[in-house]
Amino acid sequence: MTTFNFLAAGLRTIEIEQATLTALKGQLDGQFTEACNLMLQCEGRVIVTGMGKSGHIGNKIAATLASTGTPAFFVHPGEASHGDLGMFTGKDVVLALSNSGETAEVVTILPLIKRMGAPLISMTSNPESTLSKCADVNLHLPVEREACPHNLAPTSSTTAQLVMGDALAIALLEARGFSPEDFAFSHPGGSLGRQLLLRVDDIMHSGEEIPKVSITTPIHQALMEVTQKRLA
C-alpha cells in the first residue's frame, strides 16, 4: 500500500480553489451587472461556447441558465466553424469561456460573432487577451494558479468559471422573479415538478370512467366493473 498522503493533497486542492473563490468575490462589479442586463434584455438566446474543460463548464452553465428562466444552449466552438455558427443570430448574446482568452477555436469565430451584431460576454483570467478585448463585457476570473501542482490541469479556473456562471444564473433568476412553479415547468420529471404541476383533474376519473353498479349487483360483477375501469 502506498504511503502517499492523499488527504494532504486533497486539502491543498480545496484550499487553493477556495482562495480563488474568495478573490472572485472582489471581481463582481459593474461588468457583472452589465453582463446580467445584456442577458436579461436578450431577445434571442444566450449561446455559451468554450473549448475543452471550459466547454464542459459552459455546457453546465447553459443548462443552469435554461432551467432557471434564461433561454440558453451550448455550441462547441470547433463545430461552430463547420456549420453550427448558423445557430447564432444578431438577437442572441454570446458567453464565451476561455481561461487564457486565446483559445484558437474560440478566437476564430469572434470576428463573425461581432459581424452579426450579437453582444459578446467573455469569461477569462487574462483581461489583456484577444477574447477579453473583443468582448463587450469581460468577466475577469482572478486565477493565480491551478490546484494542479504543475499549474497545468484546469482546476481553479474551471471552479471559478462554474461559480461565476451560477452567480449569473441566480442573479437573472431573481431579477425575473422566477418562481418554484416556473422551475417546475422546466423539471416536470422531478419530484418538485410532480408536486407543483400535478392537479386533481390530471388523475381523477369522471363520467364513463367511473365504475358504477347498483345496490343489488352481485359482488363478482361489481369487481368486474372496477377492474374494467382500471381502478382495481
Protein backbone atom coordinates (compact mmCIF):
# COMPACT_ATOMS: atom_id res chain seq x y z
CA MET A 1 0.00 0.00 0.00
CA THR A 2 1.35 3.44 -0.95
CA THR A 3 2.35 5.86 1.79
CA PHE A 4 1.37 8.90 -0.27
CA ASN A 5 -0.57 11.50 1.74
CA PHE A 6 -3.81 11.68 -0.26
CA LEU A 7 -5.52 13.72 2.45
CA ALA A 8 -2.91 16.49 2.31
CA ALA A 9 -3.18 16.69 -1.48
CA GLY A 10 -6.95 16.86 -1.30
CA LEU A 11 -6.94 19.56 1.36
CA ARG A 12 -4.36 21.59 -0.55
CA THR A 13 -6.55 21.42 -3.67
CA ILE A 14 -9.58 22.69 -1.76
CA GLU A 15 -7.56 25.49 -0.13
CA ILE A 16 -6.20 26.72 -3.47
CA GLU A 17 -9.62 26.68 -5.10
CA GLN A 18 -11.18 28.30 -2.03
CA ALA A 19 -8.66 31.14 -2.28
CA THR A 20 -9.64 31.60 -5.93
CA LEU A 21 -13.31 31.88 -4.99
CA THR A 22 -12.51 34.39 -2.25
CA ALA A 23 -10.70 36.52 -4.80
CA LEU A 24 -13.61 36.07 -7.22
CA LYS A 25 -15.96 37.88 -4.84
CA GLY A 26 -13.97 41.07 -5.39
CA GLN A 27 -14.49 40.83 -9.16
CA LEU A 28 -18.27 41.29 -9.12
CA ASP A 29 -18.51 44.88 -10.28
CA GLY A 30 -20.22 46.91 -12.98
CA GLN A 31 -19.12 44.43 -15.63
CA PHE A 32 -21.12 41.70 -13.89
CA THR A 33 -24.17 43.98 -13.77
CA GLU A 34 -23.78 44.83 -17.45
CA ALA A 35 -23.48 41.15 -18.37
CA CYS A 36 -26.68 40.40 -16.46
CA ASN A 37 -28.50 43.25 -18.19
CA LEU A 38 -27.40 42.04 -21.62
CA MET A 39 -28.75 38.56 -20.92
CA LEU A 40 -31.90 39.85 -19.26
CA GLN A 41 -32.74 42.03 -22.27
CA CYS A 42 -31.75 39.38 -24.83
CA GLU A 43 -34.46 38.84 -27.45
CA GLY A 44 -32.93 35.57 -28.62
CA ARG A 45 -30.94 33.01 -26.68
CA VAL A 46 -27.79 33.08 -24.60
CA ILE A 47 -25.29 30.99 -26.54
CA VAL A 48 -22.47 29.63 -24.40
CA THR A 49 -19.25 28.43 -26.01
CA GLY A 50 -15.90 27.15 -24.79
CA MET A 51 -13.28 24.55 -25.61
CA GLY A 52 -12.01 21.59 -23.58
CA LYS A 53 -12.70 21.79 -19.84
CA SER A 54 -14.12 25.29 -20.32
CA GLY A 55 -16.56 23.71 -22.76
CA HIS A 56 -17.71 21.22 -20.15
CA ILE A 57 -18.31 24.06 -17.71
CA GLY A 58 -20.01 26.06 -20.47
CA ASN A 59 -22.40 23.17 -21.05
CA LYS A 60 -23.37 23.20 -17.39
CA ILE A 61 -23.78 26.99 -17.33
CA ALA A 62 -26.07 26.86 -20.38
CA ALA A 63 -28.13 24.12 -18.74
CA THR A 64 -28.43 26.08 -15.49
CA LEU A 65 -29.45 29.25 -17.33
CA ALA A 66 -32.06 27.40 -19.37
CA SER A 67 -33.59 25.70 -16.32
CA THR A 68 -33.84 28.95 -14.36
CA GLY A 69 -35.63 31.16 -16.85
CA THR A 70 -32.90 32.32 -19.25
CA PRO A 71 -33.19 30.52 -22.61
CA ALA A 72 -29.70 29.23 -23.43
CA PHE A 73 -27.79 26.47 -25.18
CA PHE A 74 -24.18 25.42 -25.71
CA VAL A 75 -22.34 25.45 -29.04
CA HIS A 76 -18.94 23.80 -29.44
CA PRO A 77 -16.59 26.42 -30.97
CA GLY A 78 -14.96 23.87 -33.25
CA GLU A 79 -18.34 22.82 -34.63
CA ALA A 80 -19.30 26.49 -34.96
CA SER A 81 -16.54 26.86 -37.55
CA HIS A 82 -18.03 23.97 -39.52
CA GLY A 83 -21.66 24.99 -39.80
CA ASP A 84 -23.00 25.44 -36.29
CA LEU A 85 -22.36 29.17 -36.49
CA GLY A 86 -25.70 29.15 -38.29
CA MET A 87 -27.28 28.72 -34.85
CA PHE A 88 -26.16 32.25 -33.92
CA THR A 89 -28.24 35.34 -34.67
CA GLY A 90 -27.83 39.03 -34.01
CA LYS A 91 -30.55 38.82 -31.37
CA ASP A 92 -28.55 36.36 -29.28
CA VAL A 93 -26.00 37.07 -26.57
CA VAL A 94 -22.79 35.03 -26.67
CA LEU A 95 -21.00 33.99 -23.49
CA ALA A 96 -17.50 32.74 -24.36
CA LEU A 97 -15.32 30.91 -21.83
CA SER A 98 -11.55 30.65 -22.13
CA ASN A 99 -9.14 30.78 -19.22
CA SER A 100 -6.32 32.18 -21.35
CA GLY A 101 -8.59 34.17 -23.64
CA GLU A 102 -6.54 32.91 -26.56
CA THR A 103 -8.17 29.54 -27.31
CA ALA A 104 -7.81 29.21 -31.08
CA GLU A 105 -11.24 27.68 -31.75
CA VAL A 106 -12.95 30.48 -29.82
CA VAL A 107 -10.84 33.32 -31.22
CA THR A 108 -11.52 32.12 -34.78
CA ILE A 109 -15.26 32.74 -34.54
CA LEU A 110 -15.06 36.11 -32.75
CA PRO A 111 -14.99 38.29 -35.91
CA LEU A 112 -18.09 36.53 -37.24
CA ILE A 113 -19.96 36.95 -33.96
CA LYS A 114 -19.13 40.64 -33.95
CA ARG A 115 -20.13 40.98 -37.61
CA MET A 116 -23.63 39.65 -36.95
CA GLY A 117 -24.01 42.11 -34.09
CA ALA A 118 -24.50 39.69 -31.21
CA PRO A 119 -23.28 41.12 -27.89
CA LEU A 120 -20.27 39.19 -26.59
CA ILE A 121 -19.53 38.45 -22.94
CA SER A 122 -16.16 36.90 -22.18
CA MET A 123 -15.10 34.97 -19.10
CA THR A 124 -11.32 34.84 -18.83
CA SER A 125 -8.45 35.18 -16.38
CA ASN A 126 -6.50 37.44 -18.76
CA PRO A 127 -8.05 40.91 -19.26
CA GLU A 128 -5.45 41.68 -21.96
CA SER A 129 -6.30 38.63 -24.06
CA THR A 130 -7.80 38.65 -27.54
CA LEU A 131 -11.15 37.41 -26.24
CA SER A 132 -11.30 39.96 -23.42
CA LYS A 133 -10.52 42.88 -25.70
CA CYS A 134 -13.03 41.75 -28.32
CA ALA A 135 -15.86 41.38 -25.80
CA ASP A 136 -18.48 43.97 -24.97
CA VAL A 137 -18.25 42.84 -21.36
CA ASN A 138 -15.43 40.90 -19.72
CA LEU A 139 -15.96 38.89 -16.55
CA HIS A 140 -12.49 38.62 -15.07
CA LEU A 141 -11.57 35.45 -13.19
CA PRO A 142 -8.70 36.06 -10.72
CA VAL A 143 -6.97 32.72 -11.17
CA GLU A 144 -3.41 32.97 -9.84
CA ARG A 145 -2.71 29.27 -10.14
CA GLU A 146 -4.39 25.97 -10.79
CA ALA A 147 -4.70 23.49 -7.94
CA CYS A 148 -2.63 21.11 -10.05
CA PRO A 149 0.96 21.06 -8.65
CA HIS A 150 2.23 21.61 -12.20
CA ASN A 151 -0.17 24.54 -12.65
CA LEU A 152 -1.50 22.82 -15.76
CA ALA A 153 -4.72 20.84 -15.23
CA PRO A 154 -7.76 23.16 -15.28
CA THR A 155 -8.99 23.13 -11.68
CA SER A 156 -9.10 26.54 -10.02
CA SER A 157 -10.01 28.13 -13.34
CA THR A 158 -12.93 25.81 -14.04
CA THR A 159 -14.20 26.17 -10.47
CA ALA A 160 -14.17 29.96 -10.89
CA GLN A 161 -16.00 29.64 -14.22
CA LEU A 162 -18.65 27.41 -12.70
CA VAL A 163 -19.27 29.71 -9.74
CA MET A 164 -19.38 32.81 -11.94
CA GLY A 165 -21.89 31.03 -14.17
CA ASP A 166 -24.02 30.16 -11.15
CA ALA A 167 -23.84 33.77 -9.97
CA LEU A 168 -25.12 34.95 -13.36
CA ALA A 169 -27.93 32.39 -13.44
CA ILE A 170 -29.17 33.10 -9.92
CA ALA A 171 -28.95 36.88 -10.35
CA LEU A 172 -31.07 36.57 -13.50
CA LEU A 173 -33.46 34.16 -11.77
CA GLU A 174 -34.09 36.72 -9.04
CA ALA A 175 -34.38 39.61 -11.49
CA ARG A 176 -37.02 37.72 -13.47
CA GLY A 177 -38.99 36.80 -10.36
CA PHE A 178 -38.59 33.16 -11.37
CA SER A 179 -40.83 31.12 -9.06
CA PRO A 180 -40.86 27.49 -7.87
CA GLU A 181 -43.80 26.97 -10.25
CA ASP A 182 -41.68 28.28 -13.16
CA PHE A 183 -38.90 25.95 -12.09
CA ALA A 184 -41.30 23.03 -12.04
CA PHE A 185 -42.26 23.59 -15.68
CA SER A 186 -38.60 23.09 -16.59
CA HIS A 187 -38.39 19.97 -14.40
CA PRO A 188 -41.66 18.06 -14.92
CA GLY A 189 -39.94 14.73 -14.30
CA GLY A 190 -38.63 15.60 -10.85
CA SER A 191 -40.37 15.43 -7.50
CA LEU A 192 -40.76 19.21 -7.43
CA GLY A 193 -42.44 19.13 -10.83
CA ARG A 194 -44.87 16.45 -9.71
CA GLN A 195 -45.69 18.36 -6.53
CA LEU A 196 -46.35 21.65 -8.28
CA LEU A 197 -47.69 20.61 -11.68
CA LEU A 198 -49.88 17.61 -10.89
CA ARG A 199 -53.52 18.60 -10.47
CA VAL A 200 -56.53 16.64 -9.30
CA ASP A 201 -58.08 16.66 -12.78
CA ASP A 202 -54.87 15.13 -14.17
CA ILE A 203 -55.50 11.88 -12.30
CA MET A 204 -59.17 11.87 -11.33
CA HIS A 205 -61.72 9.68 -13.11
CA SER A 206 -65.03 11.12 -14.23
CA GLY A 207 -68.04 10.30 -16.40
CA GLU A 208 -67.92 6.90 -18.03
CA GLU A 209 -64.52 6.22 -16.46
CA ILE A 210 -66.13 5.83 -13.03
CA PRO A 211 -67.26 2.28 -12.17
CA LYS A 212 -71.00 2.21 -11.44
CA VAL A 213 -73.15 -0.61 -10.09
CA SER A 214 -76.49 -0.81 -8.36
CA ILE A 215 -77.00 -1.82 -4.76
CA THR A 216 -78.26 -5.20 -5.93
CA THR A 217 -75.31 -6.01 -8.22
CA PRO A 218 -73.55 -9.28 -7.23
CA ILE A 219 -70.06 -8.81 -5.81
CA HIS A 220 -68.33 -10.62 -8.67
CA GLN A 221 -69.96 -8.26 -11.22
CA ALA A 222 -69.00 -5.25 -9.10
CA LEU A 223 -65.40 -6.43 -9.09
CA MET A 224 -65.52 -6.88 -12.88
CA GLU A 225 -66.79 -3.30 -13.26
CA VAL A 226 -64.00 -1.90 -11.10
CA THR A 227 -61.41 -3.97 -12.98
CA GLN A 228 -62.69 -2.93 -16.42
CA LYS A 229 -62.48 0.73 -15.40
CA ARG A 230 -58.89 0.08 -14.27
CA LEU A 231 -59.43 1.12 -10.68
CA ALA A 232 -58.75 -2.25 -9.10
